[in-house]
Each structure stands twice: as C-alpha cells, then as structure tokens.
PDB file of N, CA and C in Angstrom:
ATOM      1  N   MET A   1      18.270  29.019  -9.474  1.00  0.00           N
ATOM      2  CA  MET A   1      19.333  29.552  -8.675  1.00  0.00           C
ATOM      3  C   MET A   1      19.958  30.746  -9.393  1.00  0.00           C
ATOM      4  N   GLN A   2      20.336  31.744  -8.661  1.00  0.00           N
ATOM      5  CA  GLN A   2      20.949  32.929  -9.245  1.00  0.00           C
ATOM      6  C   GLN A   2      22.435  32.689  -9.493  1.00  0.00           C
ATOM      7  N   GLU A   3      22.938  33.328 -10.536  1.00  0.00           N
ATOM      8  CA  GLU A   3      24.366  33.240 -10.809  1.00  0.00           C
ATOM      9  C   GLU A   3      25.129  34.110  -9.819  1.00  0.00           C
ATOM     10  N   ASN A   4      26.367  33.726  -9.559  1.00  0.00           N
ATOM     11  CA  ASN A   4      27.261  34.494  -8.691  1.00  0.00           C
ATOM     12  C   ASN A   4      26.683  34.738  -7.299  1.00  0.00           C
ATOM     13  N   THR A   5      26.006  33.747  -6.767  1.00  0.00           N
ATOM     14  CA  THR A   5      25.471  33.833  -5.416  1.00  0.00           C
ATOM     15  C   THR A   5      26.437  33.122  -4.478  1.00  0.00           C
ATOM     16  N   PRO A   6      26.909  33.787  -3.432  1.00  0.00           N
ATOM     17  CA  PRO A   6      27.831  33.106  -2.517  1.00  0.00           C
ATOM     18  C   PRO A   6      27.115  31.991  -1.755  1.00  0.00           C
ATOM     19  N   VAL A   7      27.844  30.931  -1.491  1.00  0.00           N
ATOM     20  CA  VAL A   7      27.330  29.839  -0.667  1.00  0.00           C
ATOM     21  C   VAL A   7      27.925  30.037   0.717  1.00  0.00           C
ATOM     22  N   ILE A   8      27.064  30.163   1.700  1.00  0.00           N
ATOM     23  CA  ILE A   8      27.509  30.392   3.072  1.00  0.00           C
ATOM     24  C   ILE A   8      27.271  29.115   3.870  1.00  0.00           C
ATOM     25  N   PHE A   9      28.341  28.585   4.449  1.00  0.00           N
ATOM     26  CA  PHE A   9      28.249  27.403   5.288  1.00  0.00           C
ATOM     27  C   PHE A   9      28.147  27.846   6.739  1.00  0.00           C
ATOM     28  N   GLN A  10      27.284  27.139   7.490  1.00  0.00           N
ATOM     29  CA  GLN A  10      27.065  27.495   8.885  1.00  0.00           C
ATOM     30  C   GLN A  10      27.471  26.342   9.794  1.00  0.00           C
ATOM     31  N   GLU A  11      28.143  26.682  10.874  1.00  0.00           N
ATOM     32  CA  GLU A  11      28.460  25.666  11.869  1.00  0.00           C
ATOM     33  C   GLU A  11      27.148  25.144  12.448  1.00  0.00           C
ATOM     34  N   GLY A  12      27.112  23.855  12.728  1.00  0.00           N
ATOM     35  CA  GLY A  12      25.925  23.260  13.317  1.00  0.00           C
ATOM     36  C   GLY A  12      24.946  22.725  12.288  1.00  0.00           C
ATOM     37  N   LYS A  13      25.090  23.117  11.032  1.00  0.00           N
ATOM     38  CA  LYS A  13      24.241  22.577   9.967  1.00  0.00           C
ATOM     39  C   LYS A  13      24.934  21.348   9.388  1.00  0.00           C
ATOM     40  N   SER A  14      24.181  20.526   8.686  1.00  0.00           N
ATOM     41  CA  SER A  14      24.720  19.351   8.021  1.00  0.00           C
ATOM     42  C   SER A  14      24.643  19.587   6.517  1.00  0.00           C
ATOM     43  N   TYR A  15      25.690  19.192   5.804  1.00  0.00           N
ATOM     44  CA  TYR A  15      25.746  19.421   4.359  1.00  0.00           C
ATOM     45  C   TYR A  15      25.898  18.110   3.610  1.00  0.00           C
ATOM     46  N   GLU A  16      25.136  18.003   2.552  1.00  0.00           N
ATOM     47  CA  GLU A  16      25.192  16.856   1.657  1.00  0.00           C
ATOM     48  C   GLU A  16      25.823  17.341   0.356  1.00  0.00           C
ATOM     49  N   PHE A  17      26.957  16.777   0.013  1.00  0.00           N
ATOM     50  CA  PHE A  17      27.602  17.040  -1.271  1.00  0.00           C
ATOM     51  C   PHE A  17      27.330  15.810  -2.127  1.00  0.00           C
ATOM     52  N   PHE A  18      26.789  16.002  -3.327  1.00  0.00           N
ATOM     53  CA  PHE A  18      26.434  14.839  -4.129  1.00  0.00           C
ATOM     54  C   PHE A  18      26.886  14.971  -5.578  1.00  0.00           C
ATOM     55  N   LEU A  19      27.088  13.811  -6.183  1.00  0.00           N
ATOM     56  CA  LEU A  19      27.355  13.662  -7.609  1.00  0.00           C
ATOM     57  C   LEU A  19      26.348  12.644  -8.112  1.00  0.00           C
ATOM     58  N   ALA A  20      25.735  12.896  -9.260  1.00  0.00           N
ATOM     59  CA  ALA A  20      24.723  11.968  -9.768  1.00  0.00           C
ATOM     60  C   ALA A  20      24.847  11.802 -11.280  1.00  0.00           C
ATOM     61  N   TRP A  21      24.594  10.578 -11.700  1.00  0.00           N
ATOM     62  CA  TRP A  21      24.573  10.232 -13.115  1.00  0.00           C
ATOM     63  C   TRP A  21      23.150   9.804 -13.447  1.00  0.00           C
ATOM     64  N   LEU A  22      22.583  10.413 -14.470  1.00  0.00           N
ATOM     65  CA  LEU A  22      21.204  10.125 -14.857  1.00  0.00           C
ATOM     66  C   LEU A  22      21.128   8.897 -15.756  1.00  0.00           C
ATOM     67  N   ASN A  23      20.006   8.200 -15.657  1.00  0.00           N
ATOM     68  CA  ASN A  23      19.676   7.172 -16.631  1.00  0.00           C
ATOM     69  C   ASN A  23      19.281   7.859 -17.933  1.00  0.00           C
ATOM     70  N   PRO A  24      19.335   7.149 -19.059  1.00  0.00           N
ATOM     71  CA  PRO A  24      18.792   7.739 -20.290  1.00  0.00           C
ATOM     72  C   PRO A  24      17.329   8.123 -20.045  1.00  0.00           C
ATOM     73  N   ASN A  25      16.925   9.262 -20.499  1.00  0.00           N
ATOM     74  CA  ASN A  25      15.566   9.786 -20.283  1.00  0.00           C
ATOM     75  C   ASN A  25      15.251   9.980 -18.800  1.00  0.00           C
ATOM     76  N   GLY A  26      16.265  10.204 -17.990  1.00  0.00           N
ATOM     77  CA  GLY A  26      16.064  10.345 -16.549  1.00  0.00           C
ATOM     78  C   GLY A  26      15.601  11.715 -16.100  1.00  0.00           C
ATOM     79  N   GLN A  27      15.678  12.709 -16.972  1.00  0.00           N
ATOM     80  CA  GLN A  27      15.334  14.074 -16.573  1.00  0.00           C
ATOM     81  C   GLN A  27      13.863  14.194 -16.161  1.00  0.00           C
ATOM     82  N   GLU A  28      12.963  13.575 -16.922  1.00  0.00           N
ATOM     83  CA  GLU A  28      11.529  13.677 -16.601  1.00  0.00           C
ATOM     84  C   GLU A  28      11.192  13.027 -15.258  1.00  0.00           C
ATOM     85  N   PRO A  29      11.609  11.767 -15.015  1.00  0.00           N
ATOM     86  CA  PRO A  29      11.305  11.205 -13.692  1.00  0.00           C
ATOM     87  C   PRO A  29      11.998  11.943 -12.549  1.00  0.00           C
ATOM     88  N   LEU A  30      13.154  12.563 -12.823  1.00  0.00           N
ATOM     89  CA  LEU A  30      13.828  13.338 -11.779  1.00  0.00           C
ATOM     90  C   LEU A  30      12.976  14.536 -11.380  1.00  0.00           C
ATOM     91  N   GLY A  31      12.417  15.230 -12.362  1.00  0.00           N
ATOM     92  CA  GLY A  31      11.518  16.351 -12.071  1.00  0.00           C
ATOM     93  C   GLY A  31      10.302  15.904 -11.276  1.00  0.00           C
ATOM     94  N   LYS A  32       9.750  14.751 -11.643  1.00  0.00           N
ATOM     95  CA  LYS A  32       8.586  14.219 -10.920  1.00  0.00           C
ATOM     96  C   LYS A  32       8.968  13.801  -9.499  1.00  0.00           C
ATOM     97  N   TYR A  33      10.191  13.277  -9.339  1.00  0.00           N
ATOM     98  CA  TYR A  33      10.674  12.923  -8.000  1.00  0.00           C
ATOM     99  C   TYR A  33      10.702  14.160  -7.106  1.00  0.00           C
ATOM    100  N   PHE A  34      11.281  15.253  -7.621  1.00  0.00           N
ATOM    101  CA  PHE A  34      11.369  16.469  -6.811  1.00  0.00           C
ATOM    102  C   PHE A  34       9.978  16.991  -6.464  1.00  0.00           C
ATOM    103  N   GLU A  35       9.039  16.931  -7.396  1.00  0.00           N
ATOM    104  CA  GLU A  35       7.660  17.359  -7.109  1.00  0.00           C
ATOM    105  C   GLU A  35       7.038  16.478  -6.031  1.00  0.00           C
ATOM    106  N   ALA A  36       7.194  15.162  -6.173  1.00  0.00           N
ATOM    107  CA  ALA A  36       6.582  14.225  -5.226  1.00  0.00           C
ATOM    108  C   ALA A  36       7.208  14.314  -3.841  1.00  0.00           C
ATOM    109  N   SER A  37       8.474  14.704  -3.767  1.00  0.00           N
ATOM    110  CA  SER A  37       9.156  14.723  -2.473  1.00  0.00           C
ATOM    111  C   SER A  37       8.989  16.037  -1.710  1.00  0.00           C
ATOM    112  N   VAL A  38       8.425  17.065  -2.343  1.00  0.00           N
ATOM    113  CA  VAL A  38       8.270  18.369  -1.671  1.00  0.00           C
ATOM    114  C   VAL A  38       7.540  18.253  -0.336  1.00  0.00           C
ATOM    115  N   PRO A  39       6.351  17.634  -0.272  1.00  0.00           N
ATOM    116  CA  PRO A  39       5.654  17.590   1.024  1.00  0.00           C
ATOM    117  C   PRO A  39       6.443  16.827   2.095  1.00  0.00           C
ATOM    118  N   ILE A  40       7.206  15.833   1.679  1.00  0.00           N
ATOM    119  CA  ILE A  40       7.993  15.060   2.638  1.00  0.00           C
ATOM    120  C   ILE A  40       9.181  15.889   3.120  1.00  0.00           C
ATOM    121  N   ARG A  41       9.844  16.610   2.209  1.00  0.00           N
ATOM    122  CA  ARG A  41      10.975  17.469   2.600  1.00  0.00           C
ATOM    123  C   ARG A  41      10.537  18.536   3.589  1.00  0.00           C
ATOM    124  N   LYS A  42       9.327  19.059   3.434  1.00  0.00           N
ATOM    125  CA  LYS A  42       8.845  20.133   4.303  1.00  0.00           C
ATOM    126  C   LYS A  42       8.680  19.667   5.752  1.00  0.00           C
ATOM    127  N   ILE A  43       8.557  18.363   5.958  1.00  0.00           N
ATOM    128  CA  ILE A  43       8.394  17.822   7.308  1.00  0.00           C
ATOM    129  C   ILE A  43       9.693  17.944   8.102  1.00  0.00           C
ATOM    130  N   TYR A  44      10.832  17.829   7.393  1.00  0.00           N
ATOM    131  CA  TYR A  44      12.121  17.726   8.067  1.00  0.00           C
ATOM    132  C   TYR A  44      12.900  19.016   7.971  1.00  0.00           C
ATOM    133  N   GLY A  45      13.442  19.395   9.097  1.00  0.00           N
ATOM    134  CA  GLY A  45      14.266  20.588   9.142  1.00  0.00           C
ATOM    135  C   GLY A  45      13.474  21.791   9.572  1.00  0.00           C
ATOM    136  N   ARG A  46      14.185  22.741  10.096  1.00  0.00           N
ATOM    137  CA  ARG A  46      13.617  23.983  10.569  1.00  0.00           C
ATOM    138  C   ARG A  46      14.490  25.107  10.044  1.00  0.00           C
ATOM    139  N   PRO A  47      14.566  25.386   8.810  1.00  0.00           N
ATOM    140  CA  PRO A  47      13.641  25.111   7.705  1.00  0.00           C
ATOM    141  C   PRO A  47      13.934  23.775   7.016  1.00  0.00           C
ATOM    142  N   GLU A  48      13.136  23.514   5.985  1.00  0.00           N
ATOM    143  CA  GLU A  48      13.339  22.304   5.189  1.00  0.00           C
ATOM    144  C   GLU A  48      14.715  22.358   4.524  1.00  0.00           C
ATOM    145  N   PRO A  49      15.220  21.213   4.056  1.00  0.00           N
ATOM    146  CA  PRO A  49      16.530  21.211   3.406  1.00  0.00           C
ATOM    147  C   PRO A  49      16.563  22.171   2.217  1.00  0.00           C
ATOM    148  N   GLN A  50      17.701  22.838   2.060  1.00  0.00           N
ATOM    149  CA  GLN A  50      17.861  23.850   1.011  1.00  0.00           C
ATOM    150  C   GLN A  50      18.965  23.440   0.046  1.00  0.00           C
ATOM    151  N   PHE A  51      18.667  23.506  -1.258  1.00  0.00           N
ATOM    152  CA  PHE A  51      19.715  23.324  -2.256  1.00  0.00           C
ATOM    153  C   PHE A  51      20.536  24.605  -2.265  1.00  0.00           C
ATOM    154  N   LYS A  52      21.778  24.514  -1.834  1.00  0.00           N
ATOM    155  CA  LYS A  52      22.644  25.689  -1.752  1.00  0.00           C
ATOM    156  C   LYS A  52      23.363  25.951  -3.065  1.00  0.00           C
ATOM    157  N   ALA A  53      23.631  24.889  -3.827  1.00  0.00           N
ATOM    158  CA  ALA A  53      24.341  25.074  -5.094  1.00  0.00           C
ATOM    159  C   ALA A  53      24.096  23.891  -6.013  1.00  0.00           C
ATOM    160  N   ASN A  54      23.883  24.183  -7.270  1.00  0.00           N
ATOM    161  CA  ASN A  54      23.916  23.184  -8.332  1.00  0.00           C
ATOM    162  C   ASN A  54      25.246  23.373  -9.034  1.00  0.00           C
ATOM    163  N   LEU A  55      25.988  22.298  -9.159  1.00  0.00           N
ATOM    164  CA  LEU A  55      27.305  22.365  -9.783  1.00  0.00           C
ATOM    165  C   LEU A  55      27.215  21.719 -11.157  1.00  0.00           C
ATOM    166  N   ASN A  56      27.395  22.500 -12.192  1.00  0.00           N
ATOM    167  CA  ASN A  56      27.314  21.984 -13.553  1.00  0.00           C
ATOM    168  C   ASN A  56      28.689  21.535 -14.016  1.00  0.00           C
ATOM    169  N   PRO A  57      28.792  20.282 -14.454  1.00  0.00           N
ATOM    170  CA  PRO A  57      30.079  19.800 -14.941  1.00  0.00           C
ATOM    171  C   PRO A  57      30.545  20.613 -16.154  1.00  0.00           C
ATOM    172  N   LEU A  58      31.841  20.725 -16.298  1.00  0.00           N
ATOM    173  CA  LEU A  58      32.411  21.420 -17.448  1.00  0.00           C
ATOM    174  C   LEU A  58      32.220  20.583 -18.706  1.00  0.00           C
ATOM    175  N   SER A  59      31.873  21.235 -19.789  1.00  0.00           N
ATOM    176  CA  SER A  59      31.714  20.498 -21.043  1.00  0.00           C
ATOM    177  C   SER A  59      33.061  19.964 -21.533  1.00  0.00           C
ATOM    178  N   ASN A  60      34.146  20.633 -21.184  1.00  0.00           N
ATOM    179  CA  ASN A  60      35.480  20.195 -21.597  1.00  0.00           C
ATOM    180  C   ASN A  60      36.278  19.645 -20.408  1.00  0.00           C
ATOM    181  N   ALA A  61      35.577  19.020 -19.468  1.00  0.00           N
ATOM    182  CA  ALA A  61      36.227  18.493 -18.262  1.00  0.00           C
ATOM    183  C   ALA A  61      37.254  17.433 -18.633  1.00  0.00           C
ATOM    184  N   PRO A  62      38.324  17.351 -17.866  1.00  0.00           N
ATOM    185  CA  PRO A  62      39.321  16.311 -18.136  1.00  0.00           C
ATOM    186  C   PRO A  62      38.690  14.931 -18.005  1.00  0.00           C
ATOM    187  N   GLN A  63      39.192  14.000 -18.759  1.00  0.00           N
ATOM    188  CA  GLN A  63      38.705  12.623 -18.727  1.00  0.00           C
ATOM    189  C   GLN A  63      39.800  11.757 -18.114  1.00  0.00           C
ATOM    190  N   GLY A  64      39.402  10.692 -17.499  1.00  0.00           N
ATOM    191  CA  GLY A  64      40.388   9.780 -16.942  1.00  0.00           C
ATOM    192  C   GLY A  64      39.747   8.814 -15.977  1.00  0.00           C
ATOM    193  N   LYS A  65      40.463   7.769 -15.703  1.00  0.00           N
ATOM    194  CA  LYS A  65      39.963   6.696 -14.852  1.00  0.00           C
ATOM    195  C   LYS A  65      39.610   7.186 -13.449  1.00  0.00           C
ATOM    196  N   THR A  66      40.354   8.151 -12.946  1.00  0.00           N
ATOM    197  CA  THR A  66      40.144   8.610 -11.573  1.00  0.00           C
ATOM    198  C   THR A  66      39.378   9.928 -11.494  1.00  0.00           C
ATOM    199  N   ILE A  67      38.874  10.413 -12.628  1.00  0.00           N
ATOM    200  CA  ILE A  67      38.144  11.681 -12.652  1.00  0.00           C
ATOM    201  C   ILE A  67      36.654  11.394 -12.788  1.00  0.00           C
ATOM    202  N   LEU A  68      35.867  11.953 -11.885  1.00  0.00           N
ATOM    203  CA  LEU A  68      34.419  11.769 -11.928  1.00  0.00           C
ATOM    204  C   LEU A  68      33.790  12.865 -12.779  1.00  0.00           C
ATOM    205  N   ASN A  69      32.947  12.475 -13.705  1.00  0.00           N
ATOM    206  CA  ASN A  69      32.236  13.422 -14.562  1.00  0.00           C
ATOM    207  C   ASN A  69      30.737  13.132 -14.502  1.00  0.00           C
ATOM    208  N   PRO A  70      30.085  13.529 -13.408  1.00  0.00           N
ATOM    209  CA  PRO A  70      28.649  13.263 -13.270  1.00  0.00           C
ATOM    210  C   PRO A  70      27.828  14.176 -14.176  1.00  0.00           C
ATOM    211  N   HIS A  71      26.570  13.814 -14.345  1.00  0.00           N
ATOM    212  CA  HIS A  71      25.639  14.667 -15.083  1.00  0.00           C
ATOM    213  C   HIS A  71      25.227  15.875 -14.247  1.00  0.00           C
ATOM    214  N   MET A  72      25.204  15.689 -12.940  1.00  0.00           N
ATOM    215  CA  MET A  72      24.806  16.776 -12.048  1.00  0.00           C
ATOM    216  C   MET A  72      25.501  16.606 -10.704  1.00  0.00           C
ATOM    217  N   ALA A  73      25.635  17.718  -9.997  1.00  0.00           N
ATOM    218  CA  ALA A  73      26.245  17.702  -8.670  1.00  0.00           C
ATOM    219  C   ALA A  73      25.677  18.877  -7.891  1.00  0.00           C
ATOM    220  N   GLY A  74      25.786  18.816  -6.578  1.00  0.00           N
ATOM    221  CA  GLY A  74      25.264  19.928  -5.801  1.00  0.00           C
ATOM    222  C   GLY A  74      25.546  19.815  -4.323  1.00  0.00           C
ATOM    223  N   ILE A  75      25.051  20.814  -3.619  1.00  0.00           N
ATOM    224  CA  ILE A  75      25.201  20.901  -2.167  1.00  0.00           C
ATOM    225  C   ILE A  75      23.822  21.182  -1.573  1.00  0.00           C
ATOM    226  N   VAL A  76      23.437  20.375  -0.592  1.00  0.00           N
ATOM    227  CA  VAL A  76      22.161  20.550   0.109  1.00  0.00           C
ATOM    228  C   VAL A  76      22.464  20.816   1.579  1.00  0.00           C
ATOM    229  N   GLU A  77      21.809  21.821   2.144  1.00  0.00           N
ATOM    230  CA  GLU A  77      21.974  22.140   3.564  1.00  0.00           C
ATOM    231  C   GLU A  77      20.794  21.562   4.337  1.00  0.00           C
ATOM    232  N   TRP A  78      21.109  20.761   5.349  1.00  0.00           N
ATOM    233  CA  TRP A  78      20.111  20.203   6.256  1.00  0.00           C
ATOM    234  C   TRP A  78      20.281  20.876   7.607  1.00  0.00           C
ATOM    235  N   ASP A  79      19.178  21.062   8.308  1.00  0.00           N
ATOM    236  CA  ASP A  79      19.255  21.656   9.636  1.00  0.00           C
ATOM    237  C   ASP A  79      20.060  20.759  10.567  1.00  0.00           C
ATOM    238  N   LYS A  80      19.795  19.463  10.497  1.00  0.00           N
ATOM    239  CA  LYS A  80      20.514  18.474  11.303  1.00  0.00           C
ATOM    240  C   LYS A  80      20.698  17.222  10.453  1.00  0.00           C
ATOM    241  N   HIS A  81      21.772  16.491  10.714  1.00  0.00           N
ATOM    242  CA  HIS A  81      22.022  15.256   9.966  1.00  0.00           C
ATOM    243  C   HIS A  81      20.871  14.266  10.142  1.00  0.00           C
ATOM    244  N   GLU A  82      20.295  14.235  11.327  1.00  0.00           N
ATOM    245  CA  GLU A  82      19.205  13.304  11.601  1.00  0.00           C
ATOM    246  C   GLU A  82      18.019  13.545  10.670  1.00  0.00           C
ATOM    247  N   ASP A  83      17.815  14.795  10.254  1.00  0.00           N
ATOM    248  CA  ASP A  83      16.715  15.103   9.336  1.00  0.00           C
ATOM    249  C   ASP A  83      16.903  14.386   8.007  1.00  0.00           C
ATOM    250  N   ALA A  84      18.131  14.322   7.525  1.00  0.00           N
ATOM    251  CA  ALA A  84      18.413  13.621   6.271  1.00  0.00           C
ATOM    252  C   ALA A  84      18.105  12.136   6.415  1.00  0.00           C
ATOM    253  N   GLU A  85      18.471  11.563   7.549  1.00  0.00           N
ATOM    254  CA  GLU A  85      18.191  10.149   7.791  1.00  0.00           C
ATOM    255  C   GLU A  85      16.689   9.890   7.877  1.00  0.00           C
ATOM    256  N   LEU A  86      15.965  10.773   8.566  1.00  0.00           N
ATOM    257  CA  LEU A  86      14.513  10.618   8.676  1.00  0.00           C
ATOM    258  C   LEU A  86      13.841  10.771   7.313  1.00  0.00           C
ATOM    259  N   PHE A  87      14.324  11.726   6.516  1.00  0.00           N
ATOM    260  CA  PHE A  87      13.761  11.946   5.182  1.00  0.00           C
ATOM    261  C   PHE A  87      13.931  10.702   4.308  1.00  0.00           C
ATOM    262  N   THR A  88      15.146  10.173   4.236  1.00  0.00           N
ATOM    263  CA  THR A  88      15.382   9.023   3.361  1.00  0.00           C
ATOM    264  C   THR A  88      14.681   7.766   3.858  1.00  0.00           C
ATOM    265  N   GLY A  89      14.365   7.702   5.147  1.00  0.00           N
ATOM    266  CA  GLY A  89      13.662   6.551   5.692  1.00  0.00           C
ATOM    267  C   GLY A  89      12.152   6.707   5.761  1.00  0.00           C
ATOM    268  N   HIS A  90      11.630   7.841   5.315  1.00  0.00           N
ATOM    269  CA  HIS A  90      10.192   8.109   5.408  1.00  0.00           C
ATOM    270  C   HIS A  90       9.414   7.138   4.512  1.00  0.00           C
ATOM    271  N   PRO A  91       8.362   6.484   5.050  1.00  0.00           N
ATOM    272  CA  PRO A  91       7.611   5.502   4.264  1.00  0.00           C
ATOM    273  C   PRO A  91       6.975   6.078   2.995  1.00  0.00           C
ATOM    274  N   GLU A  92       6.484   7.306   3.052  1.00  0.00           N
ATOM    275  CA  GLU A  92       5.877   7.912   1.855  1.00  0.00           C
ATOM    276  C   GLU A  92       6.926   8.159   0.775  1.00  0.00           C
ATOM    277  N   LEU A  93       8.136   8.505   1.187  1.00  0.00           N
ATOM    278  CA  LEU A  93       9.206   8.704   0.208  1.00  0.00           C
ATOM    279  C   LEU A  93       9.491   7.386  -0.506  1.00  0.00           C
ATOM    280  N   SER A  94       9.588   6.308   0.261  1.00  0.00           N
ATOM    281  CA  SER A  94       9.854   4.992  -0.328  1.00  0.00           C
ATOM    282  C   SER A  94       8.742   4.567  -1.272  1.00  0.00           C
ATOM    283  N   LYS A  95       7.517   4.868  -0.901  1.00  0.00           N
ATOM    284  CA  LYS A  95       6.359   4.422  -1.678  1.00  0.00           C
ATOM    285  C   LYS A  95       6.132   5.269  -2.931  1.00  0.00           C
ATOM    286  N   ILE A  96       6.234   6.577  -2.816  1.00  0.00           N
ATOM    287  CA  ILE A  96       5.847   7.470  -3.908  1.00  0.00           C
ATOM    288  C   ILE A  96       7.051   7.985  -4.695  1.00  0.00           C
ATOM    289  N   ALA A  97       8.025   8.547  -4.013  1.00  0.00           N
ATOM    290  CA  ALA A  97       9.112   9.250  -4.704  1.00  0.00           C
ATOM    291  C   ALA A  97      10.282   8.344  -5.087  1.00  0.00           C
ATOM    292  N   LYS A  98      10.598   7.355  -4.287  1.00  0.00           N
ATOM    293  CA  LYS A  98      11.766   6.505  -4.552  1.00  0.00           C
ATOM    294  C   LYS A  98      11.700   5.808  -5.901  1.00  0.00           C
ATOM    295  N   PRO A  99      10.553   5.269  -6.332  1.00  0.00           N
ATOM    296  CA  PRO A  99      10.509   4.662  -7.669  1.00  0.00           C
ATOM    297  C   PRO A  99      10.863   5.654  -8.786  1.00  0.00           C
ATOM    298  N   LEU A 100      10.467   6.914  -8.628  1.00  0.00           N
ATOM    299  CA  LEU A 100      10.818   7.944  -9.617  1.00  0.00           C
ATOM    300  C   LEU A 100      12.319   8.226  -9.578  1.00  0.00           C
ATOM    301  N   PHE A 101      12.866   8.284  -8.374  1.00  0.00           N
ATOM    302  CA  PHE A 101      14.304   8.493  -8.205  1.00  0.00           C
ATOM    303  C   PHE A 101      15.080   7.371  -8.894  1.00  0.00           C
ATOM    304  N   ASP A 102      14.640   6.138  -8.680  1.00  0.00           N
ATOM    305  CA  ASP A 102      15.322   4.987  -9.271  1.00  0.00           C
ATOM    306  C   ASP A 102      15.248   4.999 -10.799  1.00  0.00           C
ATOM    307  N   LYS A 103      14.155   5.504 -11.361  1.00  0.00           N
ATOM    308  CA  LYS A 103      14.046   5.638 -12.822  1.00  0.00           C
ATOM    309  C   LYS A 103      14.984   6.718 -13.345  1.00  0.00           C
ATOM    310  N   ALA A 104      15.209   7.741 -12.537  1.00  0.00           N
ATOM    311  CA  ALA A 104      15.997   8.894 -12.976  1.00  0.00           C
ATOM    312  C   ALA A 104      17.499   8.692 -12.812  1.00  0.00           C
ATOM    313  N   ILE A 105      17.896   8.134 -11.694  1.00  0.00           N
ATOM    314  CA  ILE A 105      19.310   8.124 -11.312  1.00  0.00           C
ATOM    315  C   ILE A 105      19.933   6.751 -11.518  1.00  0.00           C
ATOM    316  N   GLN A 106      21.016   6.748 -12.280  1.00  0.00           N
ATOM    317  CA  GLN A 106      21.775   5.524 -12.518  1.00  0.00           C
ATOM    318  C   GLN A 106      22.757   5.266 -11.373  1.00  0.00           C
ATOM    319  N   ARG A 107      23.389   6.344 -10.916  1.00  0.00           N
ATOM    320  CA  ARG A 107      24.400   6.244  -9.853  1.00  0.00           C
ATOM    321  C   ARG A 107      24.410   7.558  -9.087  1.00  0.00           C
ATOM    322  N   ILE A 108      24.586   7.458  -7.774  1.00  0.00           N
ATOM    323  CA  ILE A 108      24.734   8.665  -6.957  1.00  0.00           C
ATOM    324  C   ILE A 108      25.791   8.402  -5.892  1.00  0.00           C
ATOM    325  N   GLU A 109      26.619   9.384  -5.681  1.00  0.00           N
ATOM    326  CA  GLU A 109      27.639   9.339  -4.633  1.00  0.00           C
ATOM    327  C   GLU A 109      27.422  10.581  -3.782  1.00  0.00           C
ATOM    328  N   TRP A 110      27.462  10.429  -2.479  1.00  0.00           N
ATOM    329  CA  TRP A 110      27.314  11.606  -1.635  1.00  0.00           C
ATOM    330  C   TRP A 110      28.051  11.433  -0.326  1.00  0.00           C
ATOM    331  N   ILE A 111      28.279  12.564   0.277  1.00  0.00           N
ATOM    332  CA  ILE A 111      28.869  12.601   1.606  1.00  0.00           C
ATOM    333  C   ILE A 111      28.045  13.589   2.425  1.00  0.00           C
ATOM    334  N   HIS A 112      27.745  13.209   3.650  1.00  0.00           N
ATOM    335  CA  HIS A 112      27.091  14.115   4.599  1.00  0.00           C
ATOM    336  C   HIS A 112      28.163  14.532   5.589  1.00  0.00           C
ATOM    337  N   THR A 113      28.250  15.821   5.831  1.00  0.00           N
ATOM    338  CA  THR A 113      29.313  16.323   6.688  1.00  0.00           C
ATOM    339  C   THR A 113      28.892  17.612   7.367  1.00  0.00           C
ATOM    340  N   GLN A 114      29.644  17.987   8.359  1.00  0.00           N
ATOM    341  CA  GLN A 114      29.513  19.314   8.946  1.00  0.00           C
ATOM    342  C   GLN A 114      30.769  20.083   8.591  1.00  0.00           C
ATOM    343  N   VAL A 115      30.629  21.365   8.406  1.00  0.00           N
ATOM    344  CA  VAL A 115      31.750  22.215   8.045  1.00  0.00           C
ATOM    345  C   VAL A 115      32.355  22.779   9.322  1.00  0.00           C
ATOM    346  N   MET A 116      33.656  22.667   9.431  1.00  0.00           N
ATOM    347  CA  MET A 116      34.376  23.219  10.578  1.00  0.00           C
ATOM    348  C   MET A 116      34.941  24.563  10.146  1.00  0.00           C
ATOM    349  N   LEU A 117      34.390  25.641  10.662  1.00  0.00           N
ATOM    350  CA  LEU A 117      34.818  26.984  10.277  1.00  0.00           C
ATOM    351  C   LEU A 117      35.881  27.494  11.239  1.00  0.00           C
ATOM    352  N   LYS A 118      36.827  28.249  10.703  1.00  0.00           N
ATOM    353  CA  LYS A 118      37.886  28.832  11.545  1.00  0.00           C
ATOM    354  C   LYS A 118      37.792  30.323  11.514  1.00  0.00           C
TER     355      LYS A 118
END
C-alpha cells in the first residue's frame, strides 16, 4: 500500500473494519491464508474485495482496560455485504484457508457497515 493515499468511501459499497491479534508465529500462516484465499476472493464482488487501508498500531499507544491494541487492523471494501457472507461461507475457504487463518489469528473483531455520505 502506498503512503498518504486517501481512502474513498462509496455509497452502496459494504465496508469491513477489523482488528486482529496474531498467535505467536502467526505471520507465516497468515501469509499462506491470504495466498490460499485469492482464488476464492476473486469469485465474489465486481470487483473482488479490496483492502483499502492497513492500520498500524502506534508503538507508544495508550494502554488500558478499555483500549484495544491489536497487532493489525484495516478496512476492506466489498461490492455488496452479501459477497462477504458468501466468501466466509464458501466450502473451499473452510477446507483450505480457514485452518491457516485459525493458526494465524488469536482474536479478530470486525464490523460490516455501509457508509452514509452527506
């Protein structure tokens, strides 16, 4: 991803905002998950889902009981919310990519939403 690239939200698109915590040694299986899921992602969306932003946590982020400090965070644009549901329910994803995801990710929190522009 390029630095200082604006993120443009579009009405009618669906957005996934996520926070994720990796398992120890989770980086390698995460990379393999993304490789394995490419053909499945290409099936859904017109175009396929796009990572709009990777959000890197601050190294000196505040700490506290109510403050989330994930290892990674980001925004994914889906053409339609239904595409995200179809992707996560795809049998090949469950069989091939999901085990890699489970090895990589300890915890994930996300919200799927549409942006209301004024």
